[in-house]
Protein backbone atom coordinates (compact mmCIF):
# COMPACT_ATOMS: atom_id res chain seq x y z
CA UNK A 1 0.00 0.00 0.00
CA UNK A 2 1.20 3.51 -0.81
CA UNK A 3 1.95 5.74 2.17
CA UNK A 4 0.91 9.35 1.91
CA UNK A 5 3.15 11.82 3.71
CA UNK A 6 0.29 14.13 4.67
CA UNK A 7 -2.08 11.47 6.06
CA UNK A 8 -1.80 9.64 9.36
CA UNK A 9 -2.75 5.96 9.90
CA UNK A 10 -6.45 6.87 10.17
CA UNK A 11 -6.41 8.97 6.99
CA UNK A 12 -6.47 12.31 8.78
CA UNK A 13 -4.64 15.16 7.08
CA UNK A 14 -1.53 16.28 8.94
CA UNK A 15 1.46 18.51 8.46
CA UNK A 16 4.67 16.56 7.92
CA UNK A 17 7.22 16.94 10.73
CA UNK A 18 10.48 18.18 9.19
CA UNK A 19 12.10 18.96 12.54
CA UNK A 20 14.71 16.21 12.24
CA UNK A 21 15.77 17.17 8.72
CA UNK A 22 19.04 19.03 8.16
CA UNK A 23 18.98 22.71 7.27
CA UNK A 24 20.08 23.00 3.64
CA UNK A 25 20.32 25.92 1.21
CA UNK A 26 17.41 25.49 -1.20
CA UNK A 27 16.29 27.31 -4.31
CA UNK A 28 13.44 26.81 -6.74
CA UNK A 29 12.52 28.51 -9.99
CA UNK A 30 9.03 28.42 -11.47
CA UNK A 31 7.68 29.82 -14.70
CA UNK A 32 4.39 30.77 -16.28
CA UNK A 33 2.84 32.60 -19.20
CA UNK A 34 0.05 35.08 -19.80
CA UNK A 35 -1.15 35.50 -23.36
CA UNK A 36 -2.32 38.99 -24.35
CA UNK A 37 -3.45 40.87 -27.41
CA UNK A 38 -0.71 42.79 -29.26
CA UNK A 39 -2.45 46.07 -28.36
CA UNK A 40 -2.21 45.17 -24.67
CA UNK A 41 1.48 44.34 -25.04
CA UNK A 42 2.05 47.76 -26.60
CA UNK A 43 0.35 49.51 -23.67
CA UNK A 44 2.31 47.35 -21.24
CA UNK A 45 5.61 48.25 -22.90
CA UNK A 46 4.74 51.96 -22.82
CA UNK A 47 3.55 51.73 -19.19
CA UNK A 48 0.32 53.27 -20.47
CA UNK A 49 -2.26 50.92 -18.94
CA UNK A 50 -5.13 52.58 -17.03
CA UNK A 51 -4.02 50.98 -13.72
CA UNK A 52 -0.38 52.04 -14.10
CA UNK A 53 2.90 50.12 -14.21
CA UNK A 54 1.63 46.55 -14.37
CA UNK A 55 4.99 44.81 -14.38
CA UNK A 56 6.36 46.45 -11.25
CA UNK A 57 3.07 46.02 -9.43
CA UNK A 58 2.96 42.35 -10.44
CA UNK A 59 6.57 41.86 -9.33
CA UNK A 60 5.78 43.18 -5.84
CA UNK A 61 2.61 41.07 -5.69
CA UNK A 62 4.57 37.92 -6.58
CA UNK A 63 7.19 38.62 -3.91
CA UNK A 64 4.52 39.30 -1.30
CA UNK A 65 2.67 36.11 -2.27
CA UNK A 66 5.79 33.97 -1.90
CA UNK A 67 6.17 35.30 1.64
CA UNK A 68 2.55 34.36 2.41
CA UNK A 69 2.57 30.87 0.87
CA UNK A 70 1.89 28.99 4.14
CA UNK A 71 -1.18 31.22 4.64
CA UNK A 72 -2.51 30.20 1.23
CA UNK A 73 -1.51 26.54 0.81
CA UNK A 74 -2.73 24.15 3.53
CA UNK A 75 0.00 22.09 5.23
CA UNK A 76 2.78 24.17 3.66
CA UNK A 77 5.59 24.92 6.12
CA UNK A 78 6.56 28.49 6.91
CA UNK A 79 10.09 29.08 5.66
CA UNK A 80 12.73 31.64 6.41
CA UNK A 81 12.96 32.98 2.85
CA UNK A 82 16.24 34.66 2.05
CA UNK A 83 15.41 35.67 -1.50
CA UNK A 84 12.50 36.01 -3.91
CA UNK A 85 12.90 37.38 -7.41
CA UNK A 86 10.19 37.79 -10.05
CA UNK A 87 11.15 38.59 -13.64
CA UNK A 88 9.18 39.22 -16.83
CA UNK A 89 9.99 38.87 -20.52
CA UNK A 90 7.50 40.77 -22.64
CA UNK A 91 6.98 38.98 -25.95
CA UNK A 92 4.82 39.83 -28.97
CA UNK A 93 1.87 37.67 -27.79
CA UNK A 94 2.28 37.69 -24.03
CA UNK A 95 4.54 37.77 -21.02
CA UNK A 96 6.81 35.05 -19.66
CA UNK A 97 7.01 35.09 -15.87
CA UNK A 98 9.81 33.51 -13.83
CA UNK A 99 10.19 33.48 -10.06
CA UNK A 100 13.06 32.20 -7.97
CA UNK A 101 12.81 31.65 -4.23
CA UNK A 102 15.61 30.79 -1.84
CA UNK A 103 15.86 29.71 1.79
CA UNK A 104 18.11 27.89 4.20
CA UNK A 105 15.64 25.50 5.75
CA UNK A 106 14.48 21.91 6.22
CA UNK A 107 12.07 21.73 3.31
CA UNK A 108 11.92 23.03 -0.25
CA UNK A 109 10.79 26.35 -1.68
CA UNK A 110 8.94 25.07 -4.75
CA UNK A 111 5.55 26.20 -3.48
CA UNK A 112 6.88 29.71 -2.81
CA UNK A 113 8.23 30.02 -6.36
CA UNK A 114 5.01 28.62 -7.86
CA UNK A 115 2.88 30.92 -5.71
CA UNK A 116 4.97 33.93 -6.76
CA UNK A 117 4.44 33.13 -10.46
CA UNK A 118 0.72 32.48 -9.98
CA UNK A 119 0.01 35.70 -8.12
CA UNK A 120 2.24 37.76 -10.42
CA UNK A 121 0.22 36.39 -13.37
CA UNK A 122 -3.08 37.10 -11.64
CA UNK A 123 -1.97 40.64 -10.81
CA UNK A 124 -0.85 41.23 -14.37
CA UNK A 125 -4.26 39.97 -15.52
CA UNK A 126 -5.98 42.35 -13.11
CA UNK A 127 -3.86 45.29 -14.24
CA UNK A 128 -4.65 44.62 -17.93
CA UNK A 129 -8.26 43.40 -17.84
CA UNK A 130 -9.73 46.82 -18.58
CA UNK A 131 -8.19 46.69 -22.07
CA UNK A 132 -8.04 42.94 -22.77
CA UNK A 133 -10.91 40.58 -22.02
CA UNK A 134 -9.34 37.52 -23.67
CA UNK A 135 -6.07 37.08 -21.76
CA UNK A 136 -5.14 33.55 -20.80
CA UNK A 137 -2.86 32.43 -17.97
CA UNK A 138 -1.11 29.09 -18.32
CA UNK A 139 1.97 26.91 -18.32
CA UNK A 140 2.71 27.46 -14.63
CA UNK A 141 5.32 24.89 -13.70
CA UNK A 142 8.40 24.17 -11.64
CA UNK A 143 11.49 24.70 -13.77
CA UNK A 144 14.27 23.81 -11.36
CA UNK A 145 14.98 23.12 -7.72
CA UNK A 146 18.29 22.74 -5.96
CA UNK A 147 19.62 22.01 -2.51
CA UNK A 148 23.16 22.62 -1.36
CA UNK A 149 24.59 21.66 2.03
CA UNK A 150 25.33 24.57 4.32
CA UNK A 151 28.95 25.46 5.02
CA UNK A 152 30.94 24.16 8.04
C-alpha atoms as a PDB file:
ATOM      1  CA  UNK A   1       0.000   0.000   0.000  1.00  0.00           C
ATOM      2  CA  UNK A   2       1.200   3.508  -0.812  1.00  0.00           C
ATOM      3  CA  UNK A   3       1.945   5.739   2.172  1.00  0.00           C
ATOM      4  CA  UNK A   4       0.905   9.347   1.912  1.00  0.00           C
ATOM      5  CA  UNK A   5       3.151  11.819   3.706  1.00  0.00           C
ATOM      6  CA  UNK A   6       0.290  14.130   4.665  1.00  0.00           C
ATOM      7  CA  UNK A   7      -2.076  11.473   6.058  1.00  0.00           C
ATOM      8  CA  UNK A   8      -1.805   9.644   9.362  1.00  0.00           C
ATOM      9  CA  UNK A   9      -2.747   5.961   9.900  1.00  0.00           C
ATOM     10  CA  UNK A  10      -6.453   6.873  10.170  1.00  0.00           C
ATOM     11  CA  UNK A  11      -6.407   8.972   6.990  1.00  0.00           C
ATOM     12  CA  UNK A  12      -6.467  12.308   8.783  1.00  0.00           C
ATOM     13  CA  UNK A  13      -4.640  15.161   7.079  1.00  0.00           C
ATOM     14  CA  UNK A  14      -1.535  16.278   8.941  1.00  0.00           C
ATOM     15  CA  UNK A  15       1.458  18.508   8.463  1.00  0.00           C
ATOM     16  CA  UNK A  16       4.673  16.556   7.920  1.00  0.00           C
ATOM     17  CA  UNK A  17       7.220  16.940  10.727  1.00  0.00           C
ATOM     18  CA  UNK A  18      10.477  18.181   9.195  1.00  0.00           C
ATOM     19  CA  UNK A  19      12.095  18.963  12.541  1.00  0.00           C
ATOM     20  CA  UNK A  20      14.710  16.212  12.236  1.00  0.00           C
ATOM     21  CA  UNK A  21      15.767  17.169   8.721  1.00  0.00           C
ATOM     22  CA  UNK A  22      19.040  19.026   8.165  1.00  0.00           C
ATOM     23  CA  UNK A  23      18.979  22.714   7.267  1.00  0.00           C
ATOM     24  CA  UNK A  24      20.079  23.001   3.636  1.00  0.00           C
ATOM     25  CA  UNK A  25      20.323  25.920   1.210  1.00  0.00           C
ATOM     26  CA  UNK A  26      17.408  25.490  -1.197  1.00  0.00           C
ATOM     27  CA  UNK A  27      16.293  27.310  -4.313  1.00  0.00           C
ATOM     28  CA  UNK A  28      13.438  26.815  -6.738  1.00  0.00           C
ATOM     29  CA  UNK A  29      12.518  28.506  -9.994  1.00  0.00           C
ATOM     30  CA  UNK A  30       9.031  28.420 -11.471  1.00  0.00           C
ATOM     31  CA  UNK A  31       7.677  29.818 -14.699  1.00  0.00           C
ATOM     32  CA  UNK A  32       4.395  30.775 -16.284  1.00  0.00           C
ATOM     33  CA  UNK A  33       2.844  32.603 -19.203  1.00  0.00           C
ATOM     34  CA  UNK A  34       0.055  35.078 -19.797  1.00  0.00           C
ATOM     35  CA  UNK A  35      -1.154  35.503 -23.355  1.00  0.00           C
ATOM     36  CA  UNK A  36      -2.317  38.988 -24.351  1.00  0.00           C
ATOM     37  CA  UNK A  37      -3.450  40.873 -27.407  1.00  0.00           C
ATOM     38  CA  UNK A  38      -0.713  42.788 -29.259  1.00  0.00           C
ATOM     39  CA  UNK A  39      -2.451  46.068 -28.356  1.00  0.00           C
ATOM     40  CA  UNK A  40      -2.208  45.175 -24.669  1.00  0.00           C
ATOM     41  CA  UNK A  41       1.477  44.338 -25.045  1.00  0.00           C
ATOM     42  CA  UNK A  42       2.048  47.759 -26.597  1.00  0.00           C
ATOM     43  CA  UNK A  43       0.349  49.510 -23.674  1.00  0.00           C
ATOM     44  CA  UNK A  44       2.305  47.351 -21.240  1.00  0.00           C
ATOM     45  CA  UNK A  45       5.613  48.246 -22.899  1.00  0.00           C
ATOM     46  CA  UNK A  46       4.743  51.960 -22.818  1.00  0.00           C
ATOM     47  CA  UNK A  47       3.547  51.733 -19.191  1.00  0.00           C
ATOM     48  CA  UNK A  48       0.318  53.270 -20.468  1.00  0.00           C
ATOM     49  CA  UNK A  49      -2.257  50.919 -18.936  1.00  0.00           C
ATOM     50  CA  UNK A  50      -5.130  52.581 -17.028  1.00  0.00           C
ATOM     51  CA  UNK A  51      -4.021  50.984 -13.723  1.00  0.00           C
ATOM     52  CA  UNK A  52      -0.380  52.040 -14.102  1.00  0.00           C
ATOM     53  CA  UNK A  53       2.897  50.116 -14.212  1.00  0.00           C
ATOM     54  CA  UNK A  54       1.627  46.555 -14.372  1.00  0.00           C
ATOM     55  CA  UNK A  55       4.993  44.805 -14.383  1.00  0.00           C
ATOM     56  CA  UNK A  56       6.362  46.450 -11.251  1.00  0.00           C
ATOM     57  CA  UNK A  57       3.066  46.019  -9.430  1.00  0.00           C
ATOM     58  CA  UNK A  58       2.960  42.348 -10.438  1.00  0.00           C
ATOM     59  CA  UNK A  59       6.571  41.861  -9.325  1.00  0.00           C
ATOM     60  CA  UNK A  60       5.785  43.183  -5.844  1.00  0.00           C
ATOM     61  CA  UNK A  61       2.605  41.066  -5.690  1.00  0.00           C
ATOM     62  CA  UNK A  62       4.572  37.924  -6.580  1.00  0.00           C
ATOM     63  CA  UNK A  63       7.190  38.615  -3.912  1.00  0.00           C
ATOM     64  CA  UNK A  64       4.519  39.301  -1.302  1.00  0.00           C
ATOM     65  CA  UNK A  65       2.675  36.114  -2.270  1.00  0.00           C
ATOM     66  CA  UNK A  66       5.790  33.972  -1.896  1.00  0.00           C
ATOM     67  CA  UNK A  67       6.172  35.304   1.640  1.00  0.00           C
ATOM     68  CA  UNK A  68       2.545  34.363   2.411  1.00  0.00           C
ATOM     69  CA  UNK A  69       2.574  30.872   0.869  1.00  0.00           C
ATOM     70  CA  UNK A  70       1.888  28.990   4.141  1.00  0.00           C
ATOM     71  CA  UNK A  71      -1.179  31.216   4.640  1.00  0.00           C
ATOM     72  CA  UNK A  72      -2.508  30.197   1.227  1.00  0.00           C
ATOM     73  CA  UNK A  73      -1.508  26.539   0.814  1.00  0.00           C
ATOM     74  CA  UNK A  74      -2.732  24.150   3.529  1.00  0.00           C
ATOM     75  CA  UNK A  75       0.004  22.094   5.231  1.00  0.00           C
ATOM     76  CA  UNK A  76       2.784  24.174   3.656  1.00  0.00           C
ATOM     77  CA  UNK A  77       5.593  24.924   6.119  1.00  0.00           C
ATOM     78  CA  UNK A  78       6.562  28.492   6.909  1.00  0.00           C
ATOM     79  CA  UNK A  79      10.091  29.078   5.661  1.00  0.00           C
ATOM     80  CA  UNK A  80      12.726  31.643   6.407  1.00  0.00           C
ATOM     81  CA  UNK A  81      12.957  32.976   2.847  1.00  0.00           C
ATOM     82  CA  UNK A  82      16.241  34.659   2.047  1.00  0.00           C
ATOM     83  CA  UNK A  83      15.414  35.667  -1.498  1.00  0.00           C
ATOM     84  CA  UNK A  84      12.503  36.013  -3.906  1.00  0.00           C
ATOM     85  CA  UNK A  85      12.895  37.384  -7.406  1.00  0.00           C
ATOM     86  CA  UNK A  86      10.193  37.793 -10.051  1.00  0.00           C
ATOM     87  CA  UNK A  87      11.150  38.586 -13.643  1.00  0.00           C
ATOM     88  CA  UNK A  88       9.178  39.222 -16.831  1.00  0.00           C
ATOM     89  CA  UNK A  89       9.990  38.866 -20.517  1.00  0.00           C
ATOM     90  CA  UNK A  90       7.502  40.765 -22.640  1.00  0.00           C
ATOM     91  CA  UNK A  91       6.977  38.978 -25.946  1.00  0.00           C
ATOM     92  CA  UNK A  92       4.821  39.826 -28.969  1.00  0.00           C
ATOM     93  CA  UNK A  93       1.870  37.669 -27.792  1.00  0.00           C
ATOM     94  CA  UNK A  94       2.283  37.687 -24.032  1.00  0.00           C
ATOM     95  CA  UNK A  95       4.538  37.774 -21.022  1.00  0.00           C
ATOM     96  CA  UNK A  96       6.813  35.052 -19.663  1.00  0.00           C
ATOM     97  CA  UNK A  97       7.010  35.086 -15.870  1.00  0.00           C
ATOM     98  CA  UNK A  98       9.809  33.509 -13.826  1.00  0.00           C
ATOM     99  CA  UNK A  99      10.186  33.483 -10.058  1.00  0.00           C
ATOM    100  CA  UNK A 100      13.061  32.197  -7.972  1.00  0.00           C
ATOM    101  CA  UNK A 101      12.814  31.648  -4.228  1.00  0.00           C
ATOM    102  CA  UNK A 102      15.611  30.790  -1.844  1.00  0.00           C
ATOM    103  CA  UNK A 103      15.865  29.708   1.793  1.00  0.00           C
ATOM    104  CA  UNK A 104      18.115  27.891   4.202  1.00  0.00           C
ATOM    105  CA  UNK A 105      15.636  25.501   5.748  1.00  0.00           C
ATOM    106  CA  UNK A 106      14.483  21.913   6.223  1.00  0.00           C
ATOM    107  CA  UNK A 107      12.065  21.725   3.313  1.00  0.00           C
ATOM    108  CA  UNK A 108      11.917  23.025  -0.246  1.00  0.00           C
ATOM    109  CA  UNK A 109      10.788  26.349  -1.682  1.00  0.00           C
ATOM    110  CA  UNK A 110       8.939  25.067  -4.746  1.00  0.00           C
ATOM    111  CA  UNK A 111       5.553  26.203  -3.484  1.00  0.00           C
ATOM    112  CA  UNK A 112       6.877  29.707  -2.805  1.00  0.00           C
ATOM    113  CA  UNK A 113       8.231  30.019  -6.355  1.00  0.00           C
ATOM    114  CA  UNK A 114       5.013  28.620  -7.862  1.00  0.00           C
ATOM    115  CA  UNK A 115       2.883  30.922  -5.710  1.00  0.00           C
ATOM    116  CA  UNK A 116       4.969  33.926  -6.758  1.00  0.00           C
ATOM    117  CA  UNK A 117       4.440  33.126 -10.457  1.00  0.00           C
ATOM    118  CA  UNK A 118       0.724  32.476  -9.980  1.00  0.00           C
ATOM    119  CA  UNK A 119       0.010  35.698  -8.116  1.00  0.00           C
ATOM    120  CA  UNK A 120       2.239  37.757 -10.421  1.00  0.00           C
ATOM    121  CA  UNK A 121       0.224  36.395 -13.372  1.00  0.00           C
ATOM    122  CA  UNK A 122      -3.085  37.101 -11.642  1.00  0.00           C
ATOM    123  CA  UNK A 123      -1.975  40.636 -10.807  1.00  0.00           C
ATOM    124  CA  UNK A 124      -0.855  41.225 -14.372  1.00  0.00           C
ATOM    125  CA  UNK A 125      -4.257  39.968 -15.515  1.00  0.00           C
ATOM    126  CA  UNK A 126      -5.980  42.350 -13.107  1.00  0.00           C
ATOM    127  CA  UNK A 127      -3.857  45.286 -14.236  1.00  0.00           C
ATOM    128  CA  UNK A 128      -4.652  44.624 -17.925  1.00  0.00           C
ATOM    129  CA  UNK A 129      -8.257  43.397 -17.837  1.00  0.00           C
ATOM    130  CA  UNK A 130      -9.725  46.815 -18.584  1.00  0.00           C
ATOM    131  CA  UNK A 131      -8.188  46.693 -22.066  1.00  0.00           C
ATOM    132  CA  UNK A 132      -8.038  42.940 -22.774  1.00  0.00           C
ATOM    133  CA  UNK A 133     -10.907  40.577 -22.016  1.00  0.00           C
ATOM    134  CA  UNK A 134      -9.336  37.525 -23.668  1.00  0.00           C
ATOM    135  CA  UNK A 135      -6.073  37.076 -21.764  1.00  0.00           C
ATOM    136  CA  UNK A 136      -5.141  33.550 -20.798  1.00  0.00           C
ATOM    137  CA  UNK A 137      -2.860  32.429 -17.966  1.00  0.00           C
ATOM    138  CA  UNK A 138      -1.107  29.090 -18.323  1.00  0.00           C
ATOM    139  CA  UNK A 139       1.972  26.912 -18.317  1.00  0.00           C
ATOM    140  CA  UNK A 140       2.709  27.459 -14.626  1.00  0.00           C
ATOM    141  CA  UNK A 141       5.323  24.890 -13.696  1.00  0.00           C
ATOM    142  CA  UNK A 142       8.400  24.166 -11.635  1.00  0.00           C
ATOM    143  CA  UNK A 143      11.486  24.703 -13.767  1.00  0.00           C
ATOM    144  CA  UNK A 144      14.273  23.805 -11.357  1.00  0.00           C
ATOM    145  CA  UNK A 145      14.982  23.123  -7.720  1.00  0.00           C
ATOM    146  CA  UNK A 146      18.295  22.737  -5.956  1.00  0.00           C
ATOM    147  CA  UNK A 147      19.624  22.010  -2.510  1.00  0.00           C
ATOM    148  CA  UNK A 148      23.157  22.617  -1.363  1.00  0.00           C
ATOM    149  CA  UNK A 149      24.589  21.656   2.033  1.00  0.00           C
ATOM    150  CA  UNK A 150      25.329  24.574   4.321  1.00  0.00           C
ATOM    151  CA  UNK A 151      28.953  25.458   5.024  1.00  0.00           C
ATOM    152  CA  UNK A 152      30.937  24.160   8.036  1.00  0.00           C
END
